[in-house]
Amino acid sequence: MTTEIYAYRLLVWLADHTGRDTYQVVNIVEFAAVENLPVAQEERAARLLEGAAQLLEARGYVTLYVASGPTIDARLTAEGVSEAERIVAERADPVARLDHALGGLVKTAYADPADGLRLGLFVATAMFLGEHLKIDEVLRAARYLHDHGLAVIGSGAGGQPETLTLTSRGIDCALAGTKVRKFVSDQNTSATGPTFNQYISAGGAGAQGMSVTQNVGVQPAQLADLVRQLRDVAPRLELAQPARDEFLQDVEVLEDSDQDPQERLSAGQRIKAALIQGGTAVGVEAILAGLTNIAGMISG
């Protein structure tokens, strides 16, 4: 763990240990015992504890009293109590935890794109405000990225999620520097197609004098759902591995609204052919219908 992580944990421990009393002075070696930090035996452990305490003091959350030797006494400030309460509240917020997991997955996967992010390794080190993220939270975040076309999940033995690789859209998200859910929301808003305002003077579809706003283009929710279905069915198609890889590449092209419409339509045709060829034992009729619908929207 890093100094930053221990600082979060130390602050919350101090608040709990003192009952949020800003007058009580505590020897933080007691915290080291709770965390199994061998500060008396290892210099690195002692430096971690000291660094965490100094970080809290620099932020105005504690006042430190350094005695002779390794002993450090600490007293909470009012700001420290407020920050500890904020940390506890955010730790209990499932939306905040999801946002953190999403951001961590995208950032880590972008930093090491070669073989895909190993989800097991990520789970082992993933922290939120000094607290471990649960496996289910990380997998939920990974599925969110997959369902919204930001990443592809690779399965290991037994079909369990094993790796996560960013798509081109996921890379755009990493480079955007915004929260993942905001990126998805902004992309969905901008992908609804051009807007036309019509004024119907008489007759037609509406009452006389009615102003009509019409959105034209591929509906992002429909496209995201189709892409999710295509990626889910890919491992079950009776295709050779090279053909399956090409299938997934075509799914990326179909999904990318910045691609030339003709390129997307060509990708759609190849996807359709692969589904017909390899999906006889799977049942892909509903997916084919959705693909035809999306292709019609792209071609206008």
C-alpha atoms as a PDB file:
ATOM      1  CA  MET A   1       0.000   0.000   0.000  1.00  0.00           C
ATOM      2  CA  THR A   2       1.073   3.586  -0.591  1.00  0.00           C
ATOM      3  CA  THR A   3       1.462   6.461   1.841  1.00  0.00           C
ATOM      4  CA  GLU A   4      -1.747   8.001   0.462  1.00  0.00           C
ATOM      5  CA  ILE A   5      -3.734   4.835   1.168  1.00  0.00           C
ATOM      6  CA  TYR A   6      -2.395   4.572   4.711  1.00  0.00           C
ATOM      7  CA  ALA A   7      -3.253   8.239   5.248  1.00  0.00           C
ATOM      8  CA  TYR A   8      -6.925   7.540   4.477  1.00  0.00           C
ATOM      9  CA  ARG A   9      -6.930   4.527   6.757  1.00  0.00           C
ATOM     10  CA  LEU A  10      -5.113   6.322   9.567  1.00  0.00           C
ATOM     11  CA  LEU A  11      -7.507   9.277   9.506  1.00  0.00           C
ATOM     12  CA  VAL A  12     -10.617   7.080   9.689  1.00  0.00           C
ATOM     13  CA  TRP A  13      -9.017   4.983  12.439  1.00  0.00           C
ATOM     14  CA  LEU A  14      -8.189   8.096  14.466  1.00  0.00           C
ATOM     15  CA  ALA A  15     -11.766   9.345  14.156  1.00  0.00           C
ATOM     16  CA  ASP A  16     -13.180   6.000  15.279  1.00  0.00           C
ATOM     17  CA  HIS A  17     -10.581   5.431  17.991  1.00  0.00           C
ATOM     18  CA  THR A  18     -11.103   8.836  19.611  1.00  0.00           C
ATOM     19  CA  GLY A  19     -14.847   9.068  19.058  1.00  0.00           C
ATOM     20  CA  ARG A  20     -14.108  12.169  16.933  1.00  0.00           C
ATOM     21  CA  ASP A  21     -12.612  13.906  19.960  1.00  0.00           C
ATOM     22  CA  THR A  22     -10.344  16.748  18.804  1.00  0.00           C
ATOM     23  CA  TYR A  23      -8.664  16.985  22.215  1.00  0.00           C
ATOM     24  CA  GLN A  24      -7.541  13.386  22.609  1.00  0.00           C
ATOM     25  CA  VAL A  25      -3.906  12.616  21.764  1.00  0.00           C
ATOM     26  CA  VAL A  26      -3.180   9.134  20.392  1.00  0.00           C
ATOM     27  CA  ASN A  27       0.054   7.240  19.803  1.00  0.00           C
ATOM     28  CA  ILE A  28      -0.274   6.139  16.168  1.00  0.00           C
ATOM     29  CA  VAL A  29       1.864   3.065  16.805  1.00  0.00           C
ATOM     30  CA  GLU A  30      -1.458   1.598  17.955  1.00  0.00           C
ATOM     31  CA  PHE A  31      -2.685   2.031  14.375  1.00  0.00           C
ATOM     32  CA  ALA A  32       0.408   0.223  13.104  1.00  0.00           C
ATOM     33  CA  ALA A  33      -0.486  -2.752  15.298  1.00  0.00           C
ATOM     34  CA  VAL A  34      -4.023  -2.847  13.884  1.00  0.00           C
ATOM     35  CA  GLU A  35      -2.642  -2.731  10.328  1.00  0.00           C
ATOM     36  CA  ASN A  36       0.107  -5.286  11.083  1.00  0.00           C
ATOM     37  CA  LEU A  37       2.761  -2.763  10.126  1.00  0.00           C
ATOM     38  CA  PRO A  38       6.046  -3.949  11.707  1.00  0.00           C
ATOM     39  CA  VAL A  39       7.324  -0.434  12.395  1.00  0.00           C
ATOM     40  CA  ALA A  40       9.748  -1.585  15.073  1.00  0.00           C
ATOM     41  CA  GLN A  41      11.376  -4.160  12.800  1.00  0.00           C
ATOM     42  CA  GLU A  42      11.239  -2.629   9.314  1.00  0.00           C
ATOM     43  CA  GLU A  43      12.422   0.829   8.331  1.00  0.00           C
ATOM     44  CA  ARG A  44      10.116   0.867   5.300  1.00  0.00           C
ATOM     45  CA  ALA A  45       7.053   0.253   7.481  1.00  0.00           C
ATOM     46  CA  ALA A  46       8.122   3.011   9.857  1.00  0.00           C
ATOM     47  CA  ARG A  47       8.566   5.409   6.928  1.00  0.00           C
ATOM     48  CA  LEU A  48       5.111   4.538   5.575  1.00  0.00           C
ATOM     49  CA  LEU A  49       3.468   5.281   8.904  1.00  0.00           C
ATOM     50  CA  GLU A  50       5.430   8.485   9.403  1.00  0.00           C
ATOM     51  CA  GLY A  51       4.703   9.602   5.839  1.00  0.00           C
ATOM     52  CA  ALA A  52       0.969   8.995   6.262  1.00  0.00           C
ATOM     53  CA  ALA A  53       0.908  11.018   9.478  1.00  0.00           C
ATOM     54  CA  GLN A  54       2.886  13.867   7.931  1.00  0.00           C
ATOM     55  CA  LEU A  55       0.581  13.899   4.902  1.00  0.00           C
ATOM     56  CA  LEU A  56      -2.447  14.295   7.180  1.00  0.00           C
ATOM     57  CA  GLU A  57      -0.715  17.086   9.067  1.00  0.00           C
ATOM     58  CA  ALA A  58       0.174  18.899   5.824  1.00  0.00           C
ATOM     59  CA  ARG A  59      -3.503  18.816   4.859  1.00  0.00           C
ATOM     60  CA  GLY A  60      -4.565  20.204   8.205  1.00  0.00           C
ATOM     61  CA  TYR A  61      -6.320  17.053   9.402  1.00  0.00           C
ATOM     62  CA  VAL A  62      -4.110  16.271  12.424  1.00  0.00           C
ATOM     63  CA  THR A  63      -1.604  17.903  14.721  1.00  0.00           C
ATOM     64  CA  LEU A  64       1.502  15.796  15.380  1.00  0.00           C
ATOM     65  CA  TYR A  65       3.627  15.626  18.511  1.00  0.00           C
ATOM     66  CA  VAL A  66       6.922  13.862  17.835  1.00  0.00           C
ATOM     67  CA  ALA A  67       8.596  12.451  20.926  1.00  0.00           C
ATOM     68  CA  SER A  68      12.061  10.944  21.154  1.00  0.00           C
ATOM     69  CA  GLY A  69      12.454   7.741  19.168  1.00  0.00           C
ATOM     70  CA  PRO A  70       9.891   6.396  16.717  1.00  0.00           C
ATOM     71  CA  THR A  71       6.851   7.449  18.750  1.00  0.00           C
ATOM     72  CA  ILE A  72       4.434   9.874  17.047  1.00  0.00           C
ATOM     73  CA  ASP A  73       1.379  11.205  18.831  1.00  0.00           C
ATOM     74  CA  ALA A  74      -1.488  12.691  16.843  1.00  0.00           C
ATOM     75  CA  ARG A  75      -4.554  14.782  17.601  1.00  0.00           C
ATOM     76  CA  LEU A  76      -7.462  15.247  15.198  1.00  0.00           C
ATOM     77  CA  THR A  77      -8.441  18.722  14.041  1.00  0.00           C
ATOM     78  CA  ALA A  78     -12.024  19.742  13.274  1.00  0.00           C
ATOM     79  CA  GLU A  79     -11.131  19.587   9.572  1.00  0.00           C
ATOM     80  CA  GLY A  80      -9.822  16.067  10.109  1.00  0.00           C
ATOM     81  CA  VAL A  81     -13.103  14.972  11.667  1.00  0.00           C
ATOM     82  CA  SER A  82     -15.043  16.391   8.702  1.00  0.00           C
ATOM     83  CA  GLU A  83     -12.735  14.690   6.209  1.00  0.00           C
ATOM     84  CA  ALA A  84     -12.998  11.345   8.015  1.00  0.00           C
ATOM     85  CA  GLU A  85     -16.791  11.598   7.899  1.00  0.00           C
ATOM     86  CA  ARG A  86     -16.646  12.412   4.176  1.00  0.00           C
ATOM     87  CA  ILE A  87     -14.455   9.382   3.512  1.00  0.00           C
ATOM     88  CA  VAL A  88     -16.783   7.060   5.434  1.00  0.00           C
ATOM     89  CA  ALA A  89     -19.825   8.446   3.587  1.00  0.00           C
ATOM     90  CA  GLU A  90     -18.196   8.080   0.148  1.00  0.00           C
ATOM     91  CA  ARG A  91     -17.043   4.557   0.934  1.00  0.00           C
ATOM     92  CA  ALA A  92     -20.694   3.677   1.575  1.00  0.00           C
ATOM     93  CA  ASP A  93     -21.882   5.248  -1.702  1.00  0.00           C
ATOM     94  CA  PRO A  94     -22.224   2.551  -4.408  1.00  0.00           C
ATOM     95  CA  VAL A  95     -22.253   5.140  -7.212  1.00  0.00           C
ATOM     96  CA  ALA A  96     -18.993   6.689  -6.006  1.00  0.00           C
ATOM     97  CA  ARG A  97     -17.441   3.230  -5.781  1.00  0.00           C
ATOM     98  CA  LEU A  98     -18.595   2.383  -9.324  1.00  0.00           C
ATOM     99  CA  ASP A  99     -17.200   5.662 -10.680  1.00  0.00           C
ATOM    100  CA  HIS A 100     -13.856   4.926  -9.034  1.00  0.00           C
ATOM    101  CA  ALA A 101     -13.744   1.362 -10.370  1.00  0.00           C
ATOM    102  CA  LEU A 102     -14.634   2.550 -13.886  1.00  0.00           C
ATOM    103  CA  GLY A 103     -11.945   5.217 -13.857  1.00  0.00           C
ATOM    104  CA  GLY A 104      -9.360   2.822 -12.466  1.00  0.00           C
ATOM    105  CA  LEU A 105     -10.070   0.166 -15.080  1.00  0.00           C
ATOM    106  CA  VAL A 106      -9.889   2.627 -17.981  1.00  0.00           C
ATOM    107  CA  LYS A 107      -6.723   4.306 -16.703  1.00  0.00           C
ATOM    108  CA  THR A 108      -4.931   1.031 -15.972  1.00  0.00           C
ATOM    109  CA  ALA A 109      -5.994  -0.647 -19.227  1.00  0.00           C
ATOM    110  CA  TYR A 110      -4.857   2.391 -21.230  1.00  0.00           C
ATOM    111  CA  ALA A 111      -1.467   2.435 -19.495  1.00  0.00           C
ATOM    112  CA  ASP A 112      -0.749  -1.204 -20.427  1.00  0.00           C
ATOM    113  CA  PRO A 113      -2.474  -1.981 -23.751  1.00  0.00           C
ATOM    114  CA  ALA A 114      -0.261  -4.860 -24.922  1.00  0.00           C
ATOM    115  CA  ASP A 115      -2.057  -7.947 -23.602  1.00  0.00           C
ATOM    116  CA  GLY A 116      -5.110  -6.465 -21.941  1.00  0.00           C
ATOM    117  CA  LEU A 117      -5.618  -5.679 -18.286  1.00  0.00           C
ATOM    118  CA  ARG A 118      -5.621  -8.766 -16.043  1.00  0.00           C
ATOM    119  CA  LEU A 119      -8.753  -8.366 -13.950  1.00  0.00           C
ATOM    120  CA  GLY A 120      -7.446 -10.619 -11.180  1.00  0.00           C
ATOM    121  CA  LEU A 121      -4.366  -8.446 -10.691  1.00  0.00           C
ATOM    122  CA  PHE A 122      -6.483  -5.300 -10.762  1.00  0.00           C
ATOM    123  CA  VAL A 123      -8.827  -6.657  -8.077  1.00  0.00           C
ATOM    124  CA  ALA A 124      -5.861  -7.514  -5.848  1.00  0.00           C
ATOM    125  CA  THR A 125      -4.679  -3.901  -5.756  1.00  0.00           C
ATOM    126  CA  ALA A 126      -7.829  -1.832  -6.382  1.00  0.00           C
ATOM    127  CA  MET A 127      -8.516   0.598  -3.528  1.00  0.00           C
ATOM    128  CA  PHE A 128     -11.094   3.307  -2.925  1.00  0.00           C
ATOM    129  CA  LEU A 129     -10.256   5.885  -0.255  1.00  0.00           C
ATOM    130  CA  GLY A 130      -8.031   3.372   1.505  1.00  0.00           C
ATOM    131  CA  GLU A 131     -10.519   0.482   1.300  1.00  0.00           C
ATOM    132  CA  HIS A 132     -10.340  -2.538  -0.999  1.00  0.00           C
ATOM    133  CA  LEU A 133     -12.859  -2.720  -3.824  1.00  0.00           C
ATOM    134  CA  LYS A 134     -14.805  -5.979  -3.909  1.00  0.00           C
ATOM    135  CA  ILE A 135     -14.525  -8.437  -6.794  1.00  0.00           C
ATOM    136  CA  ASP A 136     -18.204  -7.963  -7.656  1.00  0.00           C
ATOM    137  CA  GLU A 137     -17.708  -4.185  -7.866  1.00  0.00           C
ATOM    138  CA  VAL A 138     -14.813  -4.535 -10.299  1.00  0.00           C
ATOM    139  CA  LEU A 139     -16.671  -7.064 -12.460  1.00  0.00           C
ATOM    140  CA  ARG A 140     -19.742  -4.837 -12.517  1.00  0.00           C
ATOM    141  CA  ALA A 141     -17.588  -1.933 -13.709  1.00  0.00           C
ATOM    142  CA  ALA A 142     -15.966  -4.154 -16.349  1.00  0.00           C
ATOM    143  CA  ARG A 143     -19.398  -5.206 -17.636  1.00  0.00           C
ATOM    144  CA  TYR A 144     -20.448  -1.536 -17.781  1.00  0.00           C
ATOM    145  CA  LEU A 145     -17.439  -0.736 -19.974  1.00  0.00           C
ATOM    146  CA  HIS A 146     -18.233  -3.739 -22.160  1.00  0.00           C
ATOM    147  CA  ASP A 147     -21.936  -2.953 -22.486  1.00  0.00           C
ATOM    148  CA  HIS A 148     -21.210   0.647 -23.476  1.00  0.00           C
ATOM    149  CA  GLY A 149     -18.627  -0.342 -26.058  1.00  0.00           C
ATOM    150  CA  LEU A 150     -15.583   0.968 -24.194  1.00  0.00           C
ATOM    151  CA  ALA A 151     -13.890  -2.375 -23.633  1.00  0.00           C
ATOM    152  CA  VAL A 152     -13.860  -6.044 -24.616  1.00  0.00           C
ATOM    153  CA  ILE A 153     -13.791  -8.667 -21.865  1.00  0.00           C
ATOM    154  CA  GLY A 154     -11.730 -11.782 -22.535  1.00  0.00           C
ATOM    155  CA  SER A 155     -12.746 -15.031 -20.859  1.00  0.00           C
ATOM    156  CA  GLY A 156     -10.450 -17.605 -19.333  1.00  0.00           C
ATOM    157  CA  ALA A 157     -11.011 -21.202 -18.283  1.00  0.00           C
ATOM    158  CA  GLY A 158     -14.630 -21.895 -17.460  1.00  0.00           C
ATOM    159  CA  GLY A 159     -15.772 -18.738 -19.204  1.00  0.00           C
ATOM    160  CA  GLN A 160     -14.798 -16.499 -16.291  1.00  0.00           C
ATOM    161  CA  PRO A 161     -13.851 -12.863 -17.093  1.00  0.00           C
ATOM    162  CA  GLU A 162     -10.081 -12.670 -17.237  1.00  0.00           C
ATOM    163  CA  THR A 163      -8.883  -9.687 -19.273  1.00  0.00           C
ATOM    164  CA  LEU A 164     -10.163  -6.275 -20.273  1.00  0.00           C
ATOM    165  CA  THR A 165      -8.999  -4.473 -23.415  1.00  0.00           C
ATOM    166  CA  LEU A 166     -10.091  -0.972 -24.388  1.00  0.00           C
ATOM    167  CA  THR A 167     -11.811  -0.409 -27.715  1.00  0.00           C
ATOM    168  CA  SER A 168     -11.099   2.705 -29.784  1.00  0.00           C
ATOM    169  CA  ARG A 169     -13.993   4.355 -27.961  1.00  0.00           C
ATOM    170  CA  GLY A 170     -12.480   3.320 -24.631  1.00  0.00           C
ATOM    171  CA  ILE A 171      -9.172   4.906 -25.614  1.00  0.00           C
ATOM    172  CA  ASP A 172     -11.049   8.111 -26.455  1.00  0.00           C
ATOM    173  CA  CYS A 173     -12.574   7.943 -22.984  1.00  0.00           C
ATOM    174  CA  ALA A 174      -9.148   7.551 -21.365  1.00  0.00           C
ATOM    175  CA  LEU A 175      -7.826  10.550 -23.299  1.00  0.00           C
ATOM    176  CA  ALA A 176     -10.885  12.696 -22.556  1.00  0.00           C
ATOM    177  CA  GLY A 177      -9.914  13.101 -18.910  1.00  0.00           C
ATOM    178  CA  THR A 178     -13.520  13.051 -17.675  1.00  0.00           C
ATOM    179  CA  LYS A 179     -15.437  10.546 -15.586  1.00  0.00           C
ATOM    180  CA  VAL A 180     -16.425   7.469 -17.553  1.00  0.00           C
ATOM    181  CA  ARG A 181     -20.175   7.837 -17.012  1.00  0.00           C
ATOM    182  CA  LYS A 182     -20.030  11.490 -18.106  1.00  0.00           C
ATOM    183  CA  PHE A 183     -18.119  10.480 -21.239  1.00  0.00           C
ATOM    184  CA  VAL A 184     -20.775   7.873 -22.054  1.00  0.00           C
ATOM    185  CA  SER A 185     -23.576  10.358 -21.409  1.00  0.00           C
ATOM    186  CA  ASP A 186     -21.940  13.023 -23.595  1.00  0.00           C
ATOM    187  CA  GLN A 187     -21.310  10.508 -26.388  1.00  0.00           C
ATOM    188  CA  ASN A 188     -24.887   9.264 -26.298  1.00  0.00           C
ATOM    189  CA  THR A 189     -26.210  12.818 -26.455  1.00  0.00           C
ATOM    190  CA  SER A 190     -24.030  13.756 -29.428  1.00  0.00           C
ATOM    191  CA  ALA A 191     -24.741  10.496 -31.280  1.00  0.00           C
ATOM    192  CA  THR A 192     -28.474  10.989 -31.672  1.00  0.00           C
ATOM    193  CA  GLY A 193     -27.951  12.518 -35.116  1.00  0.00           C
ATOM    194  CA  PRO A 194     -28.800  15.910 -36.586  1.00  0.00           C
ATOM    195  CA  THR A 195     -31.889  17.762 -35.395  1.00  0.00           C
ATOM    196  CA  PHE A 196     -34.365  19.335 -37.790  1.00  0.00           C
ATOM    197  CA  ASN A 197     -37.051  21.806 -36.774  1.00  0.00           C
ATOM    198  CA  GLN A 198     -40.180  21.814 -38.926  1.00  0.00           C
ATOM    199  CA  TYR A 199     -43.168  24.094 -38.825  1.00  0.00           C
ATOM    200  CA  ILE A 200     -46.302  22.428 -40.162  1.00  0.00           C
ATOM    201  CA  SER A 201     -48.616  25.151 -41.379  1.00  0.00           C
ATOM    202  CA  ALA A 202     -51.600  22.954 -42.162  1.00  0.00           C
ATOM    203  CA  GLY A 203     -52.605  19.306 -42.174  1.00  0.00           C
ATOM    204  CA  GLY A 204     -49.913  16.614 -42.081  1.00  0.00           C
ATOM    205  CA  ALA A 205     -48.969  14.583 -39.068  1.00  0.00           C
ATOM    206  CA  GLY A 206     -49.871  17.190 -36.474  1.00  0.00           C
ATOM    207  CA  ALA A 207     -52.361  19.876 -35.713  1.00  0.00           C
ATOM    208  CA  GLN A 208     -52.271  23.156 -37.636  1.00  0.00           C
ATOM    209  CA  GLY A 209     -49.364  25.340 -36.600  1.00  0.00           C
ATOM    210  CA  MET A 210     -47.580  22.568 -34.662  1.00  0.00           C
ATOM    211  CA  SER A 211     -43.799  22.866 -34.310  1.00  0.00           C
ATOM    212  CA  VAL A 212     -42.054  19.489 -34.649  1.00  0.00           C
ATOM    213  CA  THR A 213     -38.508  18.559 -33.629  1.00  0.00           C
ATOM    214  CA  GLN A 214     -37.193  15.373 -35.203  1.00  0.00           C
ATOM    215  CA  ASN A 215     -33.984  13.510 -34.366  1.00  0.00           C
ATOM    216  CA  VAL A 216     -32.449  11.555 -37.225  1.00  0.00           C
ATOM    217  CA  GLY A 217     -29.722   8.947 -36.913  1.00  0.00           C
ATOM    218  CA  VAL A 218     -28.709   5.789 -35.083  1.00  0.00           C
ATOM    219  CA  GLN A 219     -30.167   5.700 -31.588  1.00  0.00           C
ATOM    220  CA  PRO A 220     -27.222   5.095 -29.204  1.00  0.00           C
ATOM    221  CA  ALA A 221     -29.139   2.815 -26.844  1.00  0.00           C
ATOM    222  CA  GLN A 222     -30.119   0.512 -29.722  1.00  0.00           C
ATOM    223  CA  LEU A 223     -26.583   0.448 -31.095  1.00  0.00           C
ATOM    224  CA  ALA A 224     -25.052  -0.188 -27.652  1.00  0.00           C
ATOM    225  CA  ASP A 225     -27.476  -3.063 -27.081  1.00  0.00           C
ATOM    226  CA  LEU A 226     -26.679  -4.607 -30.469  1.00  0.00           C
ATOM    227  CA  VAL A 227     -22.921  -4.273 -29.906  1.00  0.00           C
ATOM    228  CA  ARG A 228     -23.262  -5.905 -26.484  1.00  0.00           C
ATOM    229  CA  GLN A 229     -25.175  -8.825 -28.022  1.00  0.00           C
ATOM    230  CA  LEU A 230     -22.601  -9.221 -30.795  1.00  0.00           C
ATOM    231  CA  ARG A 231     -19.702  -9.322 -28.342  1.00  0.00           C
ATOM    232  CA  ASP A 232     -21.550 -11.737 -26.074  1.00  0.00           C
ATOM    233  CA  VAL A 233     -22.302 -14.146 -28.917  1.00  0.00           C
ATOM    234  CA  ALA A 234     -18.814 -13.997 -30.490  1.00  0.00           C
ATOM    235  CA  PRO A 235     -17.220 -16.740 -28.306  1.00  0.00           C
ATOM    236  CA  ARG A 236     -20.113 -19.108 -29.118  1.00  0.00           C
ATOM    237  CA  LEU A 237     -19.969 -18.769 -32.900  1.00  0.00           C
ATOM    238  CA  GLU A 238     -18.596 -21.771 -34.787  1.00  0.00           C
ATOM    239  CA  LEU A 239     -15.762 -19.799 -36.334  1.00  0.00           C
ATOM    240  CA  ALA A 240     -12.005 -20.251 -36.484  1.00  0.00           C
ATOM    241  CA  GLN A 241     -10.108 -17.894 -34.200  1.00  0.00           C
ATOM    242  CA  PRO A 242      -8.892 -15.587 -37.012  1.00  0.00           C
ATOM    243  CA  ALA A 243     -12.474 -15.242 -38.275  1.00  0.00           C
ATOM    244  CA  ARG A 244     -13.695 -14.552 -34.739  1.00  0.00           C
ATOM    245  CA  ASP A 245     -11.051 -11.832 -34.340  1.00  0.00           C
ATOM    246  CA  GLU A 246     -12.159 -10.246 -37.632  1.00  0.00           C
ATOM    247  CA  PHE A 247     -15.763 -10.436 -36.429  1.00  0.00           C
ATOM    248  CA  LEU A 248     -14.905  -8.444 -33.289  1.00  0.00           C
ATOM    249  CA  GLN A 249     -12.928  -5.911 -35.339  1.00  0.00           C
ATOM    250  CA  ASP A 250     -15.969  -5.401 -37.562  1.00  0.00           C
ATOM    251  CA  VAL A 251     -18.110  -4.888 -34.449  1.00  0.00           C
ATOM    252  CA  GLU A 252     -15.762  -2.053 -33.444  1.00  0.00           C
ATOM    253  CA  VAL A 253     -16.125  -0.451 -36.887  1.00  0.00           C
ATOM    254  CA  LEU A 254     -19.916  -0.758 -36.762  1.00  0.00           C
ATOM    255  CA  GLU A 255     -19.955   0.816 -33.308  1.00  0.00           C
ATOM    256  CA  ASP A 256     -17.722   3.788 -34.183  1.00  0.00           C
ATOM    257  CA  SER A 257     -19.977   6.672 -35.249  1.00  0.00           C
ATOM    258  CA  ASP A 258     -16.923   8.568 -36.563  1.00  0.00           C
ATOM    259  CA  GLN A 259     -16.324   5.920 -39.237  1.00  0.00           C
ATOM    260  CA  ASP A 260     -17.466   6.471 -42.818  1.00  0.00           C
ATOM    261  CA  PRO A 261     -21.064   5.173 -43.150  1.00  0.00           C
ATOM    262  CA  GLN A 262     -20.068   2.921 -46.051  1.00  0.00           C
ATOM    263  CA  GLU A 263     -17.306   1.347 -43.947  1.00  0.00           C
ATOM    264  CA  ARG A 264     -19.815   0.689 -41.171  1.00  0.00           C
ATOM    265  CA  LEU A 265     -22.294  -0.831 -43.617  1.00  0.00           C
ATOM    266  CA  SER A 266     -19.579  -3.079 -45.077  1.00  0.00           C
ATOM    267  CA  ALA A 267     -18.647  -4.189 -41.565  1.00  0.00           C
ATOM    268  CA  GLY A 268     -22.323  -4.894 -40.925  1.00  0.00           C
ATOM    269  CA  GLN A 269     -22.505  -7.109 -44.013  1.00  0.00           C
ATOM    270  CA  ARG A 270     -19.462  -9.107 -42.885  1.00  0.00           C
ATOM    271  CA  ILE A 271     -20.950  -9.438 -39.392  1.00  0.00           C
ATOM    272  CA  LYS A 272     -24.198 -10.715 -40.898  1.00  0.00           C
ATOM    273  CA  ALA A 273     -22.335 -13.288 -42.993  1.00  0.00           C
ATOM    274  CA  ALA A 274     -20.374 -14.494 -39.952  1.00  0.00           C
ATOM    275  CA  LEU A 275     -23.556 -14.809 -37.887  1.00  0.00           C
ATOM    276  CA  ILE A 276     -25.245 -16.850 -40.603  1.00  0.00           C
ATOM    277  CA  GLN A 277     -22.171 -19.040 -41.063  1.00  0.00           C
ATOM    278  CA  GLY A 278     -21.277 -19.658 -37.426  1.00  0.00           C
ATOM    279  CA  GLY A 279     -24.511 -19.127 -35.543  1.00  0.00           C
ATOM    280  CA  THR A 280     -26.592 -22.115 -36.599  1.00  0.00           C
ATOM    281  CA  ALA A 281     -26.309 -23.741 -33.162  1.00  0.00           C
ATOM    282  CA  VAL A 282     -26.668 -20.510 -31.204  1.00  0.00           C
ATOM    283  CA  GLY A 283     -29.830 -18.858 -32.456  1.00  0.00           C
ATOM    284  CA  VAL A 284     -29.004 -15.428 -33.843  1.00  0.00           C
ATOM    285  CA  GLU A 285     -32.293 -14.435 -35.463  1.00  0.00           C
ATOM    286  CA  ALA A 286     -32.976 -11.575 -33.032  1.00  0.00           C
ATOM    287  CA  ILE A 287     -29.430 -10.249 -33.442  1.00  0.00           C
ATOM    288  CA  LEU A 288     -29.749 -10.366 -37.229  1.00  0.00           C
ATOM    289  CA  ALA A 289     -32.994  -8.401 -37.022  1.00  0.00           C
ATOM    290  CA  GLY A 290     -31.329  -5.772 -34.837  1.00  0.00           C
ATOM    291  CA  LEU A 291     -28.379  -5.600 -37.226  1.00  0.00           C
ATOM    292  CA  THR A 292     -30.704  -5.026 -40.181  1.00  0.00           C
ATOM    293  CA  ASN A 293     -32.453  -2.251 -38.257  1.00  0.00           C
ATOM    294  CA  ILE A 294     -29.192  -0.475 -37.388  1.00  0.00           C
ATOM    295  CA  ALA A 295     -27.922  -0.823 -40.976  1.00  0.00           C
ATOM    296  CA  GLY A 296     -31.099   0.855 -42.197  1.00  0.00           C
ATOM    297  CA  MET A 297     -30.517   3.777 -39.823  1.00  0.00           C
ATOM    298  CA  ILE A 298     -26.894   4.163 -40.957  1.00  0.00           C
ATOM    299  CA  SER A 299     -27.803   4.136 -44.642  1.00  0.00           C
ATOM    300  CA  GLY A 300     -30.597   6.642 -43.973  1.00  0.00           C
END
